[in-house]
Amino acid sequence: MITTHTLGFFGWLHRGVRPRPTPRTTSVRMKKNELLSIARPLGRRIDCLHGSIWITQDGDSRDTVLSAGEHHVVDGSTRLIVQALDAGVVQIAACAA
């Protein structure tokens, strides 16, 4: 069974309200094969704290695999999917303005 979560990022509203540019992070504990969808990921830093993850982005042929201790900074604005290859913890930091 695959579980999918969508982050509406840190409680920010998607109805034209822009978030204040303050750095924030959230950690997500993921089960093996669990999916995480991030709507506007540009500039976000994704850290793999435990386990391993696979990252893919709509319209981008590059995929990224991270192991514990590695990170990726998102350079595209289309939807991003994170899949847990192993159970673990992912930390996602909002873009610092």
PDB file of N, CA and C in Angstrom:
ATOM      1  N   MET A   1       0.837  -1.179   0.000  1.00  0.00           N
ATOM      2  CA  MET A   1       0.000   0.000   0.000  1.00  0.00           C
ATOM      3  C   MET A   1       0.884   1.244   0.000  1.00  0.00           C
ATOM      4  N   ILE A   2       0.593   2.174  -0.868  1.00  0.00           N
ATOM      5  CA  ILE A   2       1.353   3.416  -0.954  1.00  0.00           C
ATOM      6  C   ILE A   2       0.501   4.546  -0.400  1.00  0.00           C
ATOM      7  N   THR A   3       1.084   5.314   0.499  1.00  0.00           N
ATOM      8  CA  THR A   3       0.403   6.452   1.100  1.00  0.00           C
ATOM      9  C   THR A   3       0.959   7.729   0.487  1.00  0.00           C
ATOM     10  N   THR A   4       0.101   8.664   0.164  1.00  0.00           N
ATOM     11  CA  THR A   4       0.532   9.941  -0.400  1.00  0.00           C
ATOM     12  C   THR A   4       0.090  11.078   0.503  1.00  0.00           C
ATOM     13  N   HIS A   5       1.007  11.993   0.768  1.00  0.00           N
ATOM     14  CA  HIS A   5       0.705  13.199   1.534  1.00  0.00           C
ATOM     15  C   HIS A   5       0.992  14.397   0.645  1.00  0.00           C
ATOM     16  N   THR A   6       0.211  15.424   0.776  1.00  0.00           N
ATOM     17  CA  THR A   6       0.470  16.670   0.066  1.00  0.00           C
ATOM     18  C   THR A   6       0.699  17.752   1.099  1.00  0.00           C
ATOM     19  N   LEU A   7       1.831  18.425   0.977  1.00  0.00           N
ATOM     20  CA  LEU A   7       2.120  19.513   1.907  1.00  0.00           C
ATOM     21  C   LEU A   7       1.548  20.796   1.342  1.00  0.00           C
ATOM     22  N   GLY A   8       0.731  21.460   2.110  1.00  0.00           N
ATOM     23  CA  GLY A   8       0.239  22.773   1.731  1.00  0.00           C
ATOM     24  C   GLY A   8       1.166  23.777   2.359  1.00  0.00           C
ATOM     25  N   PHE A   9       2.291  23.620   2.379  1.00  0.00           N
ATOM     26  CA  PHE A   9       3.484  24.024   3.058  1.00  0.00           C
ATOM     27  C   PHE A   9       3.323  24.908   4.278  1.00  0.00           C
ATOM     28  N   PHE A  10       3.569  24.265   5.398  1.00  0.00           N
ATOM     29  CA  PHE A  10       3.636  24.902   6.701  1.00  0.00           C
ATOM     30  C   PHE A  10       2.385  25.704   7.033  1.00  0.00           C
ATOM     31  N   GLY A  11       1.250  25.283   6.521  1.00  0.00           N
ATOM     32  CA  GLY A  11       0.004  25.962   6.840  1.00  0.00           C
ATOM     33  C   GLY A  11      -0.251  27.214   6.012  1.00  0.00           C
ATOM     34  N   TRP A  12       0.601  27.508   5.053  1.00  0.00           N
ATOM     35  CA  TRP A  12       0.384  28.685   4.221  1.00  0.00           C
ATOM     36  C   TRP A  12      -0.836  28.469   3.351  1.00  0.00           C
ATOM     37  N   LEU A  13      -1.613  29.484   3.157  1.00  0.00           N
ATOM     38  CA  LEU A  13      -2.801  29.388   2.316  1.00  0.00           C
ATOM     39  C   LEU A  13      -2.410  29.521   0.850  1.00  0.00           C
ATOM     40  N   HIS A  14      -3.142  28.819  -0.006  1.00  0.00           N
ATOM     41  CA  HIS A  14      -2.856  28.862  -1.438  1.00  0.00           C
ATOM     42  C   HIS A  14      -3.769  29.832  -2.172  1.00  0.00           C
ATOM     43  N   ARG A  15      -4.520  30.647  -1.476  1.00  0.00           N
ATOM     44  CA  ARG A  15      -5.489  31.540  -2.119  1.00  0.00           C
ATOM     45  C   ARG A  15      -4.917  32.929  -2.348  1.00  0.00           C
ATOM     46  N   GLY A  16      -3.748  33.019  -2.931  1.00  0.00           N
ATOM     47  CA  GLY A  16      -3.160  34.308  -3.245  1.00  0.00           C
ATOM     48  C   GLY A  16      -2.456  34.973  -2.075  1.00  0.00           C
ATOM     49  N   VAL A  17      -2.449  34.346  -0.921  1.00  0.00           N
ATOM     50  CA  VAL A  17      -1.758  34.913   0.233  1.00  0.00           C
ATOM     51  C   VAL A  17      -0.314  34.444   0.178  1.00  0.00           C
ATOM     52  N   ARG A  18       0.611  35.370   0.138  1.00  0.00           N
ATOM     53  CA  ARG A  18       2.026  35.007   0.069  1.00  0.00           C
ATOM     54  C   ARG A  18       2.587  34.882   1.473  1.00  0.00           C
ATOM     55  N   PRO A  19       3.373  33.850   1.717  1.00  0.00           N
ATOM     56  CA  PRO A  19       3.973  33.687   3.033  1.00  0.00           C
ATOM     57  C   PRO A  19       5.044  34.737   3.285  1.00  0.00           C
ATOM     58  N   ARG A  20       5.257  35.048   4.539  1.00  0.00           N
ATOM     59  CA  ARG A  20       6.360  35.936   4.888  1.00  0.00           C
ATOM     60  C   ARG A  20       7.657  35.179   4.644  1.00  0.00           C
ATOM     61  N   PRO A  21       8.690  35.837   4.180  1.00  0.00           N
ATOM     62  CA  PRO A  21       9.946  35.156   3.876  1.00  0.00           C
ATOM     63  C   PRO A  21      10.763  34.855   5.128  1.00  0.00           C
ATOM     64  N   THR A  22      10.298  33.928   5.933  1.00  0.00           N
ATOM     65  CA  THR A  22      11.044  33.517   7.117  1.00  0.00           C
ATOM     66  C   THR A  22      11.411  32.055   6.967  1.00  0.00           C
ATOM     67  N   PRO A  23      12.634  31.690   7.341  1.00  0.00           N
ATOM     68  CA  PRO A  23      13.024  30.296   7.205  1.00  0.00           C
ATOM     69  C   PRO A  23      12.247  29.417   8.177  1.00  0.00           C
ATOM     70  N   ARG A  24      11.689  28.342   7.686  1.00  0.00           N
ATOM     71  CA  ARG A  24      10.958  27.380   8.503  1.00  0.00           C
ATOM     72  C   ARG A  24      11.312  25.993   8.015  1.00  0.00           C
ATOM     73  N   THR A  25      11.214  25.042   8.898  1.00  0.00           N
ATOM     74  CA  THR A  25      11.440  23.659   8.498  1.00  0.00           C
ATOM     75  C   THR A  25      10.337  22.785   9.056  1.00  0.00           C
ATOM     76  N   THR A  26      10.146  21.665   8.409  1.00  0.00           N
ATOM     77  CA  THR A  26       9.236  20.650   8.911  1.00  0.00           C
ATOM     78  C   THR A  26       9.879  19.298   8.656  1.00  0.00           C
ATOM     79  N   SER A  27       9.691  18.381   9.566  1.00  0.00           N
ATOM     80  CA  SER A  27      10.204  17.023   9.405  1.00  0.00           C
ATOM     81  C   SER A  27       9.035  16.078   9.203  1.00  0.00           C
ATOM     82  N   VAL A  28       9.227  15.116   8.317  1.00  0.00           N
ATOM     83  CA  VAL A  28       8.183  14.149   8.006  1.00  0.00           C
ATOM     84  C   VAL A  28       8.768  12.752   8.158  1.00  0.00           C
ATOM     85  N   ARG A  29       8.156  11.956   9.007  1.00  0.00           N
ATOM     86  CA  ARG A  29       8.545  10.549   9.140  1.00  0.00           C
ATOM     87  C   ARG A  29       7.810   9.791   8.043  1.00  0.00           C
ATOM     88  N   MET A  30       8.561   9.060   7.231  1.00  0.00           N
ATOM     89  CA  MET A  30       7.968   8.372   6.083  1.00  0.00           C
ATOM     90  C   MET A  30       8.179   6.863   6.184  1.00  0.00           C
ATOM     91  N   LYS A  31       7.142   6.119   5.815  1.00  0.00           N
ATOM     92  CA  LYS A  31       7.242   4.665   5.721  1.00  0.00           C
ATOM     93  C   LYS A  31       7.799   4.316   4.346  1.00  0.00           C
ATOM     94  N   LYS A  32       8.348   3.117   4.219  1.00  0.00           N
ATOM     95  CA  LYS A  32       8.866   2.663   2.931  1.00  0.00           C
ATOM     96  C   LYS A  32       7.776   2.789   1.860  1.00  0.00           C
ATOM     97  N   ASN A  33       8.130   3.345   0.707  1.00  0.00           N
ATOM     98  CA  ASN A  33       7.262   3.572  -0.458  1.00  0.00           C
ATOM     99  C   ASN A  33       6.237   4.685  -0.273  1.00  0.00           C
ATOM    100  N   GLU A  34       6.232   5.357   0.854  1.00  0.00           N
ATOM    101  CA  GLU A  34       5.302   6.468   1.067  1.00  0.00           C
ATOM    102  C   GLU A  34       5.696   7.632   0.156  1.00  0.00           C
ATOM    103  N   LEU A  35       4.692   8.368  -0.327  1.00  0.00           N
ATOM    104  CA  LEU A  35       4.918   9.498  -1.223  1.00  0.00           C
ATOM    105  C   LEU A  35       4.574  10.811  -0.543  1.00  0.00           C
ATOM    106  N   LEU A  36       5.326  11.843  -0.901  1.00  0.00           N
ATOM    107  CA  LEU A  36       5.090  13.188  -0.401  1.00  0.00           C
ATOM    108  C   LEU A  36       5.076  14.112  -1.611  1.00  0.00           C
ATOM    109  N   SER A  37       4.029  14.898  -1.774  1.00  0.00           N
ATOM    110  CA  SER A  37       3.900  15.820  -2.895  1.00  0.00           C
ATOM    111  C   SER A  37       4.043  17.247  -2.376  1.00  0.00           C
ATOM    112  N   ILE A  38       4.902  18.033  -3.034  1.00  0.00           N
ATOM    113  CA  ILE A  38       5.126  19.422  -2.624  1.00  0.00           C
ATOM    114  C   ILE A  38       4.747  20.320  -3.793  1.00  0.00           C
ATOM    115  N   ALA A  39       3.772  21.185  -3.583  1.00  0.00           N
ATOM    116  CA  ALA A  39       3.223  22.014  -4.659  1.00  0.00           C
ATOM    117  C   ALA A  39       4.203  23.078  -5.150  1.00  0.00           C
ATOM    118  N   ARG A  40       4.648  23.998  -4.508  1.00  0.00           N
ATOM    119  CA  ARG A  40       5.537  25.037  -5.041  1.00  0.00           C
ATOM    120  C   ARG A  40       6.900  24.911  -4.369  1.00  0.00           C
ATOM    121  N   PRO A  41       7.763  24.039  -4.889  1.00  0.00           N
ATOM    122  CA  PRO A  41       8.978  23.687  -4.169  1.00  0.00           C
ATOM    123  C   PRO A  41      10.206  24.561  -4.426  1.00  0.00           C
ATOM    124  N   LEU A  42      10.131  25.520  -5.342  1.00  0.00           N
ATOM    125  CA  LEU A  42      11.314  26.280  -5.740  1.00  0.00           C
ATOM    126  C   LEU A  42      12.080  26.820  -4.530  1.00  0.00           C
ATOM    127  N   GLY A  43      13.368  26.503  -4.463  1.00  0.00           N
ATOM    128  CA  GLY A  43      14.240  27.010  -3.409  1.00  0.00           C
ATOM    129  C   GLY A  43      14.227  26.218  -2.116  1.00  0.00           C
ATOM    130  N   ARG A  44      13.343  25.268  -1.992  1.00  0.00           N
ATOM    131  CA  ARG A  44      13.281  24.488  -0.757  1.00  0.00           C
ATOM    132  C   ARG A  44      14.473  23.540  -0.669  1.00  0.00           C
ATOM    133  N   ARG A  45      14.929  23.328   0.539  1.00  0.00           N
ATOM    134  CA  ARG A  45      16.015  22.381   0.795  1.00  0.00           C
ATOM    135  C   ARG A  45      15.404  21.124   1.391  1.00  0.00           C
ATOM    136  N   ILE A  46      15.725  19.989   0.804  1.00  0.00           N
ATOM    137  CA  ILE A  46      15.220  18.703   1.272  1.00  0.00           C
ATOM    138  C   ILE A  46      16.399  17.922   1.828  1.00  0.00           C
ATOM    139  N   ASP A  47      16.335  17.602   3.107  1.00  0.00           N
ATOM    140  CA  ASP A  47      17.380  16.829   3.773  1.00  0.00           C
ATOM    141  C   ASP A  47      16.860  15.440   4.091  1.00  0.00           C
ATOM    142  N   CYS A  48      17.644  14.432   3.780  1.00  0.00           N
ATOM    143  CA  CYS A  48      17.314  13.063   4.169  1.00  0.00           C
ATOM    144  C   CYS A  48      18.030  12.822   5.498  1.00  0.00           C
ATOM    145  N   LEU A  49      17.274  12.770   6.581  1.00  0.00           N
ATOM    146  CA  LEU A  49      17.872  12.602   7.902  1.00  0.00           C
ATOM    147  C   LEU A  49      18.119  11.134   8.233  1.00  0.00           C
ATOM    148  N   HIS A  50      17.220  10.266   7.814  1.00  0.00           N
ATOM    149  CA  HIS A  50      17.343   8.819   8.028  1.00  0.00           C
ATOM    150  C   HIS A  50      16.752   8.113   6.822  1.00  0.00           C
ATOM    151  N   GLY A  51      17.288   6.944   6.481  1.00  0.00           N
ATOM    152  CA  GLY A  51      16.758   6.172   5.360  1.00  0.00           C
ATOM    153  C   GLY A  51      17.288   6.683   4.035  1.00  0.00           C
ATOM    154  N   SER A  52      16.514   6.492   2.976  1.00  0.00           N
ATOM    155  CA  SER A  52      16.872   7.000   1.649  1.00  0.00           C
ATOM    156  C   SER A  52      15.593   7.392   0.914  1.00  0.00           C
ATOM    157  N   ILE A  53      15.723   8.406   0.048  1.00  0.00           N
ATOM    158  CA  ILE A  53      14.556   8.923  -0.674  1.00  0.00           C
ATOM    159  C   ILE A  53      14.888   9.127  -2.146  1.00  0.00           C
ATOM    160  N   TRP A  54      13.848   9.112  -2.946  1.00  0.00           N
ATOM    161  CA  TRP A  54      13.935   9.387  -4.379  1.00  0.00           C
ATOM    162  C   TRP A  54      13.111  10.643  -4.625  1.00  0.00           C
ATOM    163  N   ILE A  55      13.670  11.598  -5.372  1.00  0.00           N
ATOM    164  CA  ILE A  55      13.004  12.871  -5.650  1.00  0.00           C
ATOM    165  C   ILE A  55      12.839  13.015  -7.159  1.00  0.00           C
ATOM    166  N   THR A  56      11.633  13.354  -7.593  1.00  0.00           N
ATOM    167  CA  THR A  56      11.378  13.632  -9.006  1.00  0.00           C
ATOM    168  C   THR A  56      10.469  14.851  -9.104  1.00  0.00           C
ATOM    169  N   GLN A  57      10.604  15.576 -10.207  1.00  0.00           N
ATOM    170  CA  GLN A  57       9.830  16.804 -10.375  1.00  0.00           C
ATOM    171  C   GLN A  57       9.162  16.810 -11.742  1.00  0.00           C
ATOM    172  N   ASP A  58       7.905  17.252 -11.785  1.00  0.00           N
ATOM    173  CA  ASP A  58       7.159  17.328 -13.044  1.00  0.00           C
ATOM    174  C   ASP A  58       7.953  18.113 -14.089  1.00  0.00           C
ATOM    175  N   GLY A  59       8.072  17.551 -15.294  1.00  0.00           N
ATOM    176  CA  GLY A  59       8.712  18.246 -16.396  1.00  0.00           C
ATOM    177  C   GLY A  59      10.226  18.275 -16.349  1.00  0.00           C
ATOM    178  N   ASP A  60      10.843  17.571 -15.409  1.00  0.00           N
ATOM    179  CA  ASP A  60      12.299  17.568 -15.263  1.00  0.00           C
ATOM    180  C   ASP A  60      12.779  16.123 -15.376  1.00  0.00           C
ATOM    181  N   SER A  61      13.667  15.852 -16.310  1.00  0.00           N
ATOM    182  CA  SER A  61      14.140  14.479 -16.510  1.00  0.00           C
ATOM    183  C   SER A  61      15.160  14.045 -15.459  1.00  0.00           C
ATOM    184  N   ARG A  62      15.641  14.988 -14.665  1.00  0.00           N
ATOM    185  CA  ARG A  62      16.616  14.642 -13.626  1.00  0.00           C
ATOM    186  C   ARG A  62      15.888  14.108 -12.398  1.00  0.00           C
ATOM    187  N   ASP A  63      16.327  12.992 -11.886  1.00  0.00           N
ATOM    188  CA  ASP A  63      15.834  12.457 -10.621  1.00  0.00           C
ATOM    189  C   ASP A  63      16.999  12.466  -9.647  1.00  0.00           C
ATOM    190  N   THR A  64      16.700  12.508  -8.373  1.00  0.00           N
ATOM    191  CA  THR A  64      17.729  12.553  -7.346  1.00  0.00           C
ATOM    192  C   THR A  64      17.438  11.493  -6.304  1.00  0.00           C
ATOM    193  N   VAL A  65      18.470  10.773  -5.887  1.00  0.00           N
ATOM    194  CA  VAL A  65      18.352   9.816  -4.790  1.00  0.00           C
ATOM    195  C   VAL A  65      19.258  10.306  -3.670  1.00  0.00           C
ATOM    196  N   LEU A  66      18.686  10.423  -2.473  1.00  0.00           N
ATOM    197  CA  LEU A  66      19.445  10.872  -1.309  1.00  0.00           C
ATOM    198  C   LEU A  66      19.502   9.776  -0.259  1.00  0.00           C
ATOM    199  N   SER A  67      20.649   9.660   0.388  1.00  0.00           N
ATOM    200  CA  SER A  67      20.816   8.785   1.546  1.00  0.00           C
ATOM    201  C   SER A  67      20.901   9.664   2.783  1.00  0.00           C
ATOM    202  N   ALA A  68      20.827   9.048   3.945  1.00  0.00           N
ATOM    203  CA  ALA A  68      20.900   9.799   5.203  1.00  0.00           C
ATOM    204  C   ALA A  68      22.122  10.714   5.203  1.00  0.00           C
ATOM    205  N   GLY A  69      21.899  11.975   5.572  1.00  0.00           N
ATOM    206  CA  GLY A  69      22.974  12.954   5.637  1.00  0.00           C
ATOM    207  C   GLY A  69      23.135  13.791   4.375  1.00  0.00           C
ATOM    208  N   GLU A  70      22.428  13.449   3.300  1.00  0.00           N
ATOM    209  CA  GLU A  70      22.531  14.205   2.053  1.00  0.00           C
ATOM    210  C   GLU A  70      21.345  15.154   1.904  1.00  0.00           C
ATOM    211  N   HIS A  71      21.517  16.186   1.062  1.00  0.00           N
ATOM    212  CA  HIS A  71      20.427  17.142   0.840  1.00  0.00           C
ATOM    213  C   HIS A  71      20.351  17.543  -0.633  1.00  0.00           C
ATOM    214  N   HIS A  72      19.237  18.167  -0.984  1.00  0.00           N
ATOM    215  CA  HIS A  72      18.980  18.640  -2.351  1.00  0.00           C
ATOM    216  C   HIS A  72      18.246  19.973  -2.246  1.00  0.00           C
ATOM    217  N   VAL A  73      18.682  20.971  -3.030  1.00  0.00           N
ATOM    218  CA  VAL A  73      17.982  22.252  -3.100  1.00  0.00           C
ATOM    219  C   VAL A  73      17.223  22.277  -4.429  1.00  0.00           C
ATOM    220  N   VAL A  74      15.928  22.498  -4.360  1.00  0.00           N
ATOM    221  CA  VAL A  74      15.058  22.430  -5.536  1.00  0.00           C
ATOM    222  C   VAL A  74      15.236  23.675  -6.401  1.00  0.00           C
ATOM    223  N   ASP A  75      15.484  23.452  -7.705  1.00  0.00           N
ATOM    224  CA  ASP A  75      15.687  24.580  -8.620  1.00  0.00           C
ATOM    225  C   ASP A  75      14.555  24.737  -9.634  1.00  0.00           C
ATOM    226  N   GLY A  76      13.450  24.030  -9.433  1.00  0.00           N
ATOM    227  CA  GLY A  76      12.293  24.151 -10.320  1.00  0.00           C
ATOM    228  C   GLY A  76      11.045  24.492  -9.526  1.00  0.00           C
ATOM    229  N   SER A  77      10.021  24.986 -10.220  1.00  0.00           N
ATOM    230  CA  SER A  77       8.815  25.416  -9.508  1.00  0.00           C
ATOM    231  C   SER A  77       7.629  24.474  -9.687  1.00  0.00           C
ATOM    232  N   THR A  78       7.783  23.423 -10.511  1.00  0.00           N
ATOM    233  CA  THR A  78       6.671  22.491 -10.707  1.00  0.00           C
ATOM    234  C   THR A  78       6.612  21.473  -9.570  1.00  0.00           C
ATOM    235  N   ARG A  79       5.474  20.800  -9.462  1.00  0.00           N
ATOM    236  CA  ARG A  79       5.233  19.846  -8.375  1.00  0.00           C
ATOM    237  C   ARG A  79       6.394  18.867  -8.218  1.00  0.00           C
ATOM    238  N   LEU A  80       6.734  18.588  -6.980  1.00  0.00           N
ATOM    239  CA  LEU A  80       7.832  17.696  -6.637  1.00  0.00           C
ATOM    240  C   LEU A  80       7.275  16.509  -5.859  1.00  0.00           C
ATOM    241  N   ILE A  81       7.769  15.315  -6.163  1.00  0.00           N
ATOM    242  CA  ILE A  81       7.359  14.110  -5.454  1.00  0.00           C
ATOM    243  C   ILE A  81       8.580  13.520  -4.763  1.00  0.00           C
ATOM    244  N   VAL A  82       8.422  13.188  -3.486  1.00  0.00           N
ATOM    245  CA  VAL A  82       9.458  12.508  -2.714  1.00  0.00           C
ATOM    246  C   VAL A  82       8.911  11.135  -2.366  1.00  0.00           C
ATOM    247  N   GLN A  83       9.687  10.087  -2.658  1.00  0.00           N
ATOM    248  CA  GLN A  83       9.285   8.729  -2.290  1.00  0.00           C
ATOM    249  C   GLN A  83      10.334   8.149  -1.360  1.00  0.00           C
ATOM    250  N   ALA A  84       9.871   7.557  -0.259  1.00  0.00           N
ATOM    251  CA  ALA A  84      10.773   6.905   0.683  1.00  0.00           C
ATOM    252  C   ALA A  84      11.165   5.541   0.125  1.00  0.00           C
ATOM    253  N   LEU A  85      12.446   5.350  -0.141  1.00  0.00           N
ATOM    254  CA  LEU A  85      12.925   4.048  -0.597  1.00  0.00           C
ATOM    255  C   LEU A  85      13.072   3.105   0.592  1.00  0.00           C
ATOM    256  N   ASP A  86      13.318   3.677   1.744  1.00  0.00           N
ATOM    257  CA  ASP A  86      13.356   2.976   3.030  1.00  0.00           C
ATOM    258  C   ASP A  86      12.585   3.844   4.013  1.00  0.00           C
ATOM    259  N   ALA A  87      12.151   3.259   5.102  1.00  0.00           N
ATOM    260  CA  ALA A  87      11.533   4.075   6.152  1.00  0.00           C
ATOM    261  C   ALA A  87      12.574   5.085   6.628  1.00  0.00           C
ATOM    262  N   GLY A  88      12.137   6.303   6.906  1.00  0.00           N
ATOM    263  CA  GLY A  88      13.093   7.306   7.338  1.00  0.00           C
ATOM    264  C   GLY A  88      12.440   8.627   7.665  1.00  0.00           C
ATOM    265  N   VAL A  89      13.280   9.655   7.767  1.00  0.00           N
ATOM    266  CA  VAL A  89      12.818  10.997   8.102  1.00  0.00           C
ATOM    267  C   VAL A  89      13.387  11.982   7.087  1.00  0.00           C
ATOM    268  N   VAL A  90      12.499  12.834   6.574  1.00  0.00           N
ATOM    269  CA  VAL A  90      12.872  13.876   5.624  1.00  0.00           C
ATOM    270  C   VAL A  90      12.595  15.219   6.282  1.00  0.00           C
ATOM    271  N   GLN A  91      13.522  16.153   6.129  1.00  0.00           N
ATOM    272  CA  GLN A  91      13.306  17.516   6.634  1.00  0.00           C
ATOM    273  C   GLN A  91      13.238  18.445   5.432  1.00  0.00           C
ATOM    274  N   ILE A  92      12.237  19.314   5.422  1.00  0.00           N
ATOM    275  CA  ILE A  92      12.046  20.239   4.310  1.00  0.00           C
ATOM    276  C   ILE A  92      12.086  21.656   4.862  1.00  0.00           C
ATOM    277  N   ALA A  93      12.987  22.451   4.305  1.00  0.00           N
ATOM    278  CA  ALA A  93      13.140  23.834   4.758  1.00  0.00           C
ATOM    279  C   ALA A  93      12.551  24.768   3.717  1.00  0.00           C
ATOM    280  N   ALA A  94      11.802  25.746   4.189  1.00  0.00           N
ATOM    281  CA  ALA A  94      11.254  26.768   3.296  1.00  0.00           C
ATOM    282  C   ALA A  94      12.405  27.594   2.749  1.00  0.00           C
ATOM    283  N   CYS A  95      12.179  28.180   1.593  1.00  0.00           N
ATOM    284  CA  CYS A  95      13.205  29.001   0.982  1.00  0.00           C
ATOM    285  C   CYS A  95      13.481  30.224   1.849  1.00  0.00           C
ATOM    286  N   ALA A  96      14.743  30.517   1.997  1.00  0.00           N
ATOM    287  CA  ALA A  96      15.125  31.726   2.727  1.00  0.00           C
ATOM    288  C   ALA A  96      15.136  32.868   1.731  1.00  0.00           C
ATOM    289  N   ALA A  97      14.476  33.954   2.057  1.00  0.00           N
ATOM    290  CA  ALA A  97      14.403  35.073   1.113  1.00  0.00           C
ATOM    291  C   ALA A  97      15.454  36.096   1.407  1.00  0.00           C
TER     292      ALA A  97
END
